[in-house]
Amino acid sequence: MCLNCDEHTFLGNGRCSHCHGSGVNLRLTSDEPKCPACGGTGICATCGGEGVFNEEADEDHGLQFLDLG
């Protein structure tokens, strides 16, 4: 399950949680029209719209994790 999707009760829905899938920047004080989290696609950047995050698939979506240990 992707915890960064807009809704994640059982499975993520694949939509960006910042713009709720609209792709529009909802911050009224910003001059940028596109959502900064998804770049205007409306798709969750963490899971790529799949609704499920798999650590093995993180290379497919260009995600990088810091090794803190």
N, C-alpha and C. Protein backbone atom coordinates (compact mmCIF):
# COMPACT_ATOMS: atom_id res chain seq x y z
N MET A 1 0.84 -1.17 0.00
CA MET A 1 0.00 0.00 0.00
C MET A 1 0.89 1.24 0.00
N CYS A 2 0.54 2.22 -0.77
CA CYS A 2 1.30 3.47 -0.83
C CYS A 2 0.67 4.47 0.13
N LEU A 3 1.41 4.90 1.12
CA LEU A 3 0.90 5.85 2.11
C LEU A 3 0.92 7.29 1.62
N ASN A 4 1.51 7.54 0.46
CA ASN A 4 1.57 8.90 -0.06
C ASN A 4 0.46 9.22 -1.05
N CYS A 5 -0.36 8.24 -1.39
CA CYS A 5 -1.49 8.49 -2.27
C CYS A 5 -2.54 9.34 -1.56
N ASP A 6 -3.44 9.91 -2.34
CA ASP A 6 -4.50 10.76 -1.81
C ASP A 6 -5.35 10.01 -0.79
N GLU A 7 -5.75 8.81 -1.09
CA GLU A 7 -6.51 7.98 -0.16
C GLU A 7 -5.78 6.66 -0.03
N HIS A 8 -5.68 6.16 1.18
CA HIS A 8 -4.96 4.90 1.38
C HIS A 8 -5.58 4.06 2.48
N THR A 9 -6.89 3.86 2.42
CA THR A 9 -7.56 3.04 3.42
C THR A 9 -7.07 1.60 3.33
N PHE A 10 -7.18 0.96 2.21
CA PHE A 10 -6.68 -0.39 2.03
C PHE A 10 -5.57 -0.41 0.97
N LEU A 11 -5.80 0.26 -0.13
CA LEU A 11 -4.81 0.43 -1.18
C LEU A 11 -4.79 1.90 -1.55
N GLY A 12 -3.66 2.38 -2.00
CA GLY A 12 -3.62 3.75 -2.47
C GLY A 12 -4.41 3.87 -3.77
N ASN A 13 -4.92 5.07 -4.05
CA ASN A 13 -5.70 5.24 -5.27
C ASN A 13 -4.86 5.76 -6.43
N GLY A 14 -3.57 6.01 -6.19
CA GLY A 14 -2.68 6.43 -7.26
C GLY A 14 -2.70 7.91 -7.57
N ARG A 15 -3.55 8.67 -6.86
CA ARG A 15 -3.62 10.11 -7.11
C ARG A 15 -2.69 10.87 -6.16
N CYS A 16 -2.20 11.98 -6.62
CA CYS A 16 -1.32 12.84 -5.82
C CYS A 16 -2.07 13.38 -4.61
N SER A 17 -1.46 13.27 -3.43
CA SER A 17 -2.14 13.72 -2.22
C SER A 17 -2.09 15.24 -2.06
N HIS A 18 -1.21 15.90 -2.79
CA HIS A 18 -1.11 17.35 -2.67
C HIS A 18 -2.21 18.06 -3.47
N CYS A 19 -2.51 17.57 -4.66
CA CYS A 19 -3.52 18.22 -5.50
C CYS A 19 -4.78 17.37 -5.65
N HIS A 20 -4.81 16.22 -4.98
CA HIS A 20 -5.95 15.28 -5.02
C HIS A 20 -6.23 14.79 -6.43
N GLY A 21 -5.17 14.68 -7.23
CA GLY A 21 -5.31 14.13 -8.58
C GLY A 21 -5.66 15.14 -9.66
N SER A 22 -5.77 16.42 -9.29
CA SER A 22 -6.16 17.43 -10.29
C SER A 22 -4.96 17.93 -11.11
N GLY A 23 -3.75 17.85 -10.54
CA GLY A 23 -2.57 18.36 -11.22
C GLY A 23 -2.39 19.86 -11.07
N VAL A 24 -3.31 20.50 -10.37
CA VAL A 24 -3.30 21.95 -10.20
C VAL A 24 -2.69 22.31 -8.84
N ASN A 25 -1.87 23.34 -8.80
CA ASN A 25 -1.30 23.82 -7.55
C ASN A 25 -2.43 24.48 -6.75
N LEU A 26 -2.75 23.91 -5.60
CA LEU A 26 -3.87 24.41 -4.81
C LEU A 26 -3.46 25.53 -3.85
N ARG A 27 -2.20 25.89 -3.83
CA ARG A 27 -1.75 27.00 -2.99
C ARG A 27 -2.03 28.31 -3.72
N LEU A 28 -2.93 29.08 -3.19
CA LEU A 28 -3.37 30.30 -3.86
C LEU A 28 -2.29 31.37 -3.90
N THR A 29 -1.29 31.28 -3.03
CA THR A 29 -0.24 32.30 -2.99
C THR A 29 0.90 32.00 -3.95
N SER A 30 0.82 30.90 -4.68
CA SER A 30 1.89 30.51 -5.60
C SER A 30 1.58 30.94 -7.02
N ASP A 31 2.64 31.32 -7.73
CA ASP A 31 2.49 31.70 -9.14
C ASP A 31 2.56 30.49 -10.06
N GLU A 32 3.00 29.35 -9.55
CA GLU A 32 3.16 28.13 -10.35
C GLU A 32 1.79 27.45 -10.51
N PRO A 33 1.30 27.27 -11.73
CA PRO A 33 -0.02 26.67 -11.92
C PRO A 33 -0.05 25.15 -11.70
N LYS A 34 1.09 24.48 -11.92
CA LYS A 34 1.13 23.02 -11.77
C LYS A 34 1.46 22.62 -10.34
N CYS A 35 0.94 21.50 -9.93
CA CYS A 35 1.23 20.96 -8.60
C CYS A 35 2.73 20.68 -8.49
N PRO A 36 3.41 21.17 -7.45
CA PRO A 36 4.84 20.94 -7.33
C PRO A 36 5.19 19.50 -6.97
N ALA A 37 4.27 18.78 -6.39
CA ALA A 37 4.54 17.40 -5.97
C ALA A 37 4.51 16.42 -7.15
N CYS A 38 3.57 16.60 -8.07
CA CYS A 38 3.43 15.66 -9.19
C CYS A 38 3.80 16.27 -10.52
N GLY A 39 4.10 17.55 -10.55
CA GLY A 39 4.46 18.22 -11.80
C GLY A 39 3.28 18.43 -12.73
N GLY A 40 2.08 18.36 -12.19
CA GLY A 40 0.88 18.60 -12.99
C GLY A 40 0.24 17.36 -13.57
N THR A 41 0.79 16.18 -13.26
CA THR A 41 0.21 14.95 -13.81
C THR A 41 -0.97 14.45 -13.00
N GLY A 42 -1.02 14.77 -11.70
CA GLY A 42 -2.07 14.27 -10.82
C GLY A 42 -1.80 12.88 -10.30
N ILE A 43 -0.67 12.30 -10.70
CA ILE A 43 -0.31 10.94 -10.31
C ILE A 43 0.63 10.97 -9.11
N CYS A 44 0.41 10.09 -8.16
CA CYS A 44 1.28 9.99 -6.98
C CYS A 44 2.71 9.73 -7.43
N ALA A 45 3.64 10.59 -6.98
CA ALA A 45 5.04 10.46 -7.38
C ALA A 45 5.74 9.29 -6.71
N THR A 46 5.21 8.82 -5.60
CA THR A 46 5.86 7.72 -4.88
C THR A 46 5.62 6.37 -5.55
N CYS A 47 4.37 6.10 -5.91
CA CYS A 47 4.04 4.79 -6.49
C CYS A 47 3.83 4.84 -7.99
N GLY A 48 3.87 6.02 -8.58
CA GLY A 48 3.67 6.15 -10.02
C GLY A 48 2.25 5.85 -10.46
N GLY A 49 1.30 6.02 -9.55
CA GLY A 49 -0.10 5.79 -9.88
C GLY A 49 -0.57 4.36 -9.66
N GLU A 50 0.31 3.50 -9.18
CA GLU A 50 -0.05 2.09 -8.97
C GLU A 50 -0.88 1.87 -7.71
N GLY A 51 -0.73 2.76 -6.72
CA GLY A 51 -1.45 2.59 -5.46
C GLY A 51 -0.74 1.68 -4.48
N VAL A 52 0.31 1.04 -4.93
CA VAL A 52 1.08 0.13 -4.10
C VAL A 52 2.55 0.50 -4.27
N PHE A 53 3.24 0.69 -3.15
CA PHE A 53 4.66 1.01 -3.23
C PHE A 53 5.46 -0.25 -2.96
N ASN A 54 6.35 -0.55 -3.87
CA ASN A 54 7.20 -1.73 -3.75
C ASN A 54 8.64 -1.25 -3.77
N GLU A 55 9.40 -1.57 -2.72
CA GLU A 55 10.79 -1.11 -2.65
C GLU A 55 11.61 -1.59 -3.84
N GLU A 56 11.29 -2.74 -4.39
CA GLU A 56 12.03 -3.26 -5.55
C GLU A 56 11.76 -2.42 -6.79
N ALA A 57 10.63 -1.75 -6.83
CA ALA A 57 10.24 -0.97 -8.01
C ALA A 57 10.67 0.49 -7.89
N ASP A 58 11.38 0.85 -6.81
CA ASP A 58 11.73 2.26 -6.63
C ASP A 58 12.64 2.77 -7.74
N GLU A 59 13.41 1.90 -8.38
CA GLU A 59 14.26 2.33 -9.47
C GLU A 59 13.44 2.74 -10.69
N ASP A 60 12.29 2.11 -10.88
CA ASP A 60 11.43 2.43 -12.01
C ASP A 60 10.88 3.85 -11.92
N HIS A 61 10.74 4.37 -10.72
CA HIS A 61 10.14 5.68 -10.53
C HIS A 61 11.18 6.74 -10.15
N GLY A 62 12.46 6.37 -10.18
CA GLY A 62 13.52 7.34 -9.93
C GLY A 62 13.62 7.78 -8.48
N LEU A 63 13.11 6.99 -7.56
CA LEU A 63 13.17 7.37 -6.15
C LEU A 63 14.51 6.99 -5.56
N GLN A 64 14.98 7.82 -4.67
CA GLN A 64 16.23 7.53 -3.98
C GLN A 64 15.99 7.63 -2.48
N PHE A 65 16.58 6.72 -1.74
CA PHE A 65 16.43 6.70 -0.30
C PHE A 65 17.79 6.92 0.35
N LEU A 66 17.79 7.65 1.45
CA LEU A 66 19.01 7.88 2.20
C LEU A 66 19.27 6.73 3.14
N ASP A 67 20.51 6.30 3.22
CA ASP A 67 20.90 5.26 4.15
C ASP A 67 21.33 5.94 5.44
N LEU A 68 20.48 5.88 6.47
CA LEU A 68 20.76 6.55 7.72
C LEU A 68 21.43 5.65 8.74
N GLY A 69 21.67 4.41 8.38
CA GLY A 69 22.22 3.46 9.34
C GLY A 69 23.51 2.99 8.98
